[in-house]
């Protein structure tokens, strides 16, 4: 049985780069619709059904941030990756605030883009639907059982009742299991702001979660310097 292809919307105003990227993604077995500016992207988004959107930030007629905001108003689930020449923290933060799932700064390795598409689409709607009643609430973390609905983390006879922020942070880590959980993403979604004080607060909660999980030596939360955290369970 043939596996159904994943549909991508690529919105990129550089026609040469857009055509090359579309061919590359098509060669890697994705269905790709290419839009040449923000307005064209909005029109094609509404005319089709997409599993993931790849949006350039700097575009004529309508920039990527505006397009992402409009997409989020009608579809809160579809994952969004931004392609941008901008690397300033304020721009990255703005991207996450309008609902981005990931960011790639130009120029980038096309293989990295493939990895990100694969990781995001495999996580599915659970990551972007964290407040949805039907989103995943039960996780296995090594020998631990985590129920985010009950805010319970247990390991045999050991059980911890998590605070709301501990619970939300651990759930976000679980949804990115084995992958990078960006700092900005957690700060915007849980603390609603990214500044020195909220960042230090999150670091404190990471330390608390590590303490809870230390009874299983195969479980760890690693710090990816300047980027975020990664929840890992060794085989």
Protein backbone atom coordinates (compact mmCIF):
# COMPACT_ATOMS: atom_id res chain seq x y z
CA UNK A 1 0.00 0.00 0.00
CA UNK A 2 1.38 3.40 -0.96
CA UNK A 3 1.85 5.80 1.91
CA UNK A 4 -0.14 9.00 1.45
CA UNK A 5 2.18 11.89 0.70
CA UNK A 6 2.51 14.87 3.03
CA UNK A 7 1.26 18.13 1.53
CA UNK A 8 3.44 21.20 2.00
CA UNK A 9 2.73 24.86 1.29
CA UNK A 10 5.96 26.69 0.41
CA UNK A 11 5.66 30.49 0.37
CA UNK A 12 8.91 31.98 -0.95
CA UNK A 13 9.22 35.16 -3.06
CA UNK A 14 12.67 34.33 -4.45
CA UNK A 15 11.43 32.45 -7.49
CA UNK A 16 14.76 30.72 -8.25
CA UNK A 17 15.32 29.59 -4.68
CA UNK A 18 11.65 28.65 -4.33
CA UNK A 19 11.75 26.52 -7.48
CA UNK A 20 14.92 24.73 -6.36
CA UNK A 21 13.51 24.10 -2.89
CA UNK A 22 10.22 22.85 -4.32
CA UNK A 23 12.09 20.41 -6.60
CA UNK A 24 14.22 19.21 -3.67
CA UNK A 25 11.17 18.57 -1.46
CA UNK A 26 9.29 16.91 -4.31
CA UNK A 27 12.29 14.64 -4.95
CA UNK A 28 12.07 13.65 -1.26
CA UNK A 29 8.48 12.49 -1.76
CA UNK A 30 6.51 15.52 -0.57
CA UNK A 31 3.63 17.15 -2.43
CA UNK A 32 4.52 20.85 -2.69
CA UNK A 33 2.51 23.91 -3.68
CA UNK A 34 4.70 26.99 -4.22
CA UNK A 35 3.32 30.50 -3.64
CA UNK A 36 5.39 33.52 -4.71
CA UNK A 37 4.30 36.08 -2.08
CA UNK A 38 2.18 36.41 1.06
CA UNK A 39 -1.07 37.18 -0.75
CA UNK A 40 -0.55 34.26 -3.13
CA UNK A 41 0.25 32.10 -0.09
CA UNK A 42 -3.00 33.06 1.64
CA UNK A 43 -5.00 32.33 -1.52
CA UNK A 44 -3.36 28.91 -2.01
CA UNK A 45 -3.66 28.02 1.69
CA UNK A 46 -7.42 28.54 1.53
CA UNK A 47 -7.69 26.60 -1.73
CA UNK A 48 -5.92 23.48 -0.45
CA UNK A 49 -5.34 21.24 2.54
CA UNK A 50 -1.82 21.22 3.93
CA UNK A 51 0.06 19.21 6.56
CA UNK A 52 2.74 21.88 7.05
CA UNK A 53 3.51 25.43 5.89
CA UNK A 54 6.99 26.77 5.12
CA UNK A 55 6.92 30.57 5.09
CA UNK A 56 9.58 33.09 4.14
CA UNK A 57 9.47 36.09 6.48
CA UNK A 58 10.46 38.99 4.21
CA UNK A 59 8.02 39.03 1.28
CA UNK A 60 6.22 41.68 -0.81
CA UNK A 61 2.49 42.36 -0.43
CA UNK A 62 2.26 40.40 2.85
CA UNK A 63 5.12 39.30 5.12
CA UNK A 64 5.43 35.85 6.64
CA UNK A 65 4.45 36.95 10.16
CA UNK A 66 1.19 38.46 8.88
CA UNK A 67 0.44 35.39 6.79
CA UNK A 68 1.13 33.07 9.75
CA UNK A 69 -1.19 35.12 11.96
CA UNK A 70 -3.97 34.84 9.36
CA UNK A 71 -3.39 31.11 9.01
CA UNK A 72 -3.57 30.68 12.80
CA UNK A 73 -6.91 32.51 12.89
CA UNK A 74 -8.49 29.78 10.75
CA UNK A 75 -6.27 26.79 11.58
CA UNK A 76 -4.52 26.48 14.94
CA UNK A 77 -3.12 23.02 14.20
CA UNK A 78 -1.15 23.17 10.95
CA UNK A 79 2.60 23.37 11.72
CA UNK A 80 4.55 26.39 10.48
CA UNK A 81 8.29 26.69 9.78
CA UNK A 82 9.76 30.13 9.07
CA UNK A 83 12.62 30.68 6.61
CA UNK A 84 14.37 33.95 7.28
CA UNK A 85 17.55 35.91 6.83
CA UNK A 86 16.79 37.49 10.19
CA UNK A 87 18.49 36.06 13.26
CA UNK A 88 17.64 38.70 15.84
CA UNK A 89 16.06 37.35 19.00
CA UNK A 90 13.08 39.73 18.70
CA UNK A 91 12.21 38.29 15.29
CA UNK A 92 12.53 34.71 16.49
CA UNK A 93 10.32 35.51 19.48
CA UNK A 94 7.74 37.20 17.25
CA UNK A 95 7.67 34.10 15.06
CA UNK A 96 6.84 31.87 18.02
CA UNK A 97 4.27 34.38 19.25
CA UNK A 98 2.31 34.14 16.00
CA UNK A 99 2.37 30.36 16.17
CA UNK A 100 5.60 29.10 14.56
CA UNK A 101 6.76 25.57 15.30
CA UNK A 102 10.34 26.11 14.14
CA UNK A 103 12.77 28.54 12.51
CA UNK A 104 15.54 28.21 9.92
CA UNK A 105 17.96 31.03 9.20
CA UNK A 106 19.12 31.42 5.59
CA UNK A 107 21.35 30.00 4.25
CA UNK A 108 20.49 26.59 5.71
CA UNK A 109 21.30 22.94 5.09
CA UNK A 110 18.39 21.43 3.12
CA UNK A 111 18.89 18.14 4.97
CA UNK A 112 18.18 19.98 8.24
CA UNK A 113 14.91 21.23 6.77
CA UNK A 114 13.97 17.64 5.87
CA UNK A 115 14.72 16.55 9.44
CA UNK A 116 12.59 19.34 10.89
CA UNK A 117 9.66 18.58 8.57
CA UNK A 118 9.84 14.89 9.51
CA UNK A 119 10.10 15.60 13.25
CA UNK A 120 7.24 18.12 13.26
CA UNK A 121 4.85 16.09 11.12
CA UNK A 122 5.49 12.97 13.21
CA UNK A 123 4.69 14.86 16.40
CA UNK A 124 1.44 15.76 14.69
CA UNK A 125 -1.28 17.90 16.18
CA UNK A 126 -0.44 17.01 19.78
CA UNK A 127 2.28 19.64 20.01
CA UNK A 128 0.28 22.56 18.66
CA UNK A 129 -2.95 21.49 20.35
CA UNK A 130 -1.67 21.42 23.92
CA UNK A 131 -4.86 23.02 25.22
CA UNK A 132 -7.19 20.82 23.19
CA UNK A 133 -9.23 18.34 25.25
CA UNK A 134 -8.34 15.58 22.79
CA UNK A 135 -4.55 16.18 22.89
CA UNK A 136 -2.24 13.54 24.30
CA UNK A 137 -2.18 13.46 28.12
CA UNK A 138 -0.36 10.22 28.97
CA UNK A 139 3.34 9.63 28.34
CA UNK A 140 6.03 7.05 29.16
CA UNK A 141 9.37 8.53 30.18
CA UNK A 142 11.66 5.56 30.78
CA UNK A 143 10.26 3.86 33.89
CA UNK A 144 8.05 6.89 34.65
CA UNK A 145 4.37 7.30 33.82
CA UNK A 146 3.32 10.91 33.28
CA UNK A 147 -0.33 11.97 33.21
CA UNK A 148 -0.53 15.67 32.33
CA UNK A 149 -4.29 15.79 32.90
CA UNK A 150 -3.85 14.68 36.53
CA UNK A 151 -0.49 16.46 36.84
CA UNK A 152 0.96 13.18 38.07
CA UNK A 153 4.47 11.78 37.57
CA UNK A 154 4.94 8.29 38.99
CA UNK A 155 7.60 5.61 39.10
CA UNK A 156 6.49 2.49 40.95
CA UNK A 157 5.44 3.52 44.44
CA UNK A 158 6.91 7.00 43.94
CA UNK A 159 4.48 9.72 42.83
CA UNK A 160 4.91 13.46 42.41
CA UNK A 161 2.06 15.94 42.07
CA UNK A 162 3.38 18.59 39.71
CA UNK A 163 2.69 22.30 39.83
CA UNK A 164 0.93 23.78 36.76
CA UNK A 165 4.18 25.13 35.29
CA UNK A 166 6.13 21.93 36.05
CA UNK A 167 3.34 19.99 34.35
CA UNK A 168 3.20 22.24 31.25
CA UNK A 169 6.99 22.23 30.87
CA UNK A 170 7.30 18.46 31.19
CA UNK A 171 4.48 17.98 28.68
CA UNK A 172 6.21 20.24 26.16
CA UNK A 173 9.44 18.29 26.66
CA UNK A 174 7.56 15.02 26.11
CA UNK A 175 6.01 16.33 22.90
CA UNK A 176 9.57 17.04 21.71
CA UNK A 177 10.94 13.73 23.10
CA UNK A 178 14.46 13.20 21.75
CA UNK A 179 14.31 16.52 19.89
CA UNK A 180 15.18 20.11 20.75
CA UNK A 181 12.52 22.03 22.70
CA UNK A 182 13.36 25.69 21.94
CA UNK A 183 13.64 27.99 24.97
CA UNK A 184 11.59 30.72 23.29
CA UNK A 185 8.77 28.28 22.54
CA UNK A 186 8.41 27.23 26.19
CA UNK A 187 8.71 30.80 27.49
CA UNK A 188 6.02 32.13 25.14
CA UNK A 189 3.59 29.24 25.62
CA UNK A 190 3.98 28.76 29.39
CA UNK A 191 5.31 32.05 30.80
CA UNK A 192 3.76 34.25 28.05
CA UNK A 193 6.97 36.30 27.85
CA UNK A 194 10.68 35.89 27.15
CA UNK A 195 12.86 38.02 29.38
CA UNK A 196 15.69 37.53 31.86
CA UNK A 197 13.38 36.76 34.79
CA UNK A 198 11.12 34.27 33.00
CA UNK A 199 14.18 32.54 31.53
CA UNK A 200 15.72 32.15 35.01
CA UNK A 201 12.37 30.89 36.30
CA UNK A 202 12.27 28.22 33.60
CA UNK A 203 15.81 27.14 34.49
CA UNK A 204 14.64 26.59 38.08
CA UNK A 205 11.76 24.40 36.87
CA UNK A 206 14.14 22.37 34.68
CA UNK A 207 16.25 21.67 37.78
CA UNK A 208 13.11 20.52 39.62
CA UNK A 209 12.12 18.17 36.80
CA UNK A 210 15.63 16.69 36.69
CA UNK A 211 15.35 16.01 40.43
CA UNK A 212 12.04 14.18 39.95
CA UNK A 213 13.42 12.08 37.11
CA UNK A 214 16.81 11.21 38.61
CA UNK A 215 15.67 7.79 39.92
CA UNK A 216 15.82 6.50 36.32
CA UNK A 217 19.47 6.89 35.18
CA UNK A 218 18.45 6.43 31.54
CA UNK A 219 16.36 9.62 31.59
CA UNK A 220 17.99 13.03 31.23
CA UNK A 221 17.17 16.62 30.32
CA UNK A 222 20.14 18.08 28.49
CA UNK A 223 20.80 21.78 28.01
CA UNK A 224 21.52 22.74 24.38
CA UNK A 225 23.44 25.96 25.02
CA UNK A 226 21.61 29.03 23.80
CA UNK A 227 18.94 26.95 22.08
CA UNK A 228 16.80 25.03 24.57
CA UNK A 229 16.45 21.62 26.21
CA UNK A 230 16.18 18.00 25.14
CA UNK A 231 14.42 15.18 27.01
CA UNK A 232 16.25 11.93 26.26
CA UNK A 233 15.55 8.32 27.23
CA UNK A 234 18.50 6.03 26.50
CA UNK A 235 17.74 2.66 24.93
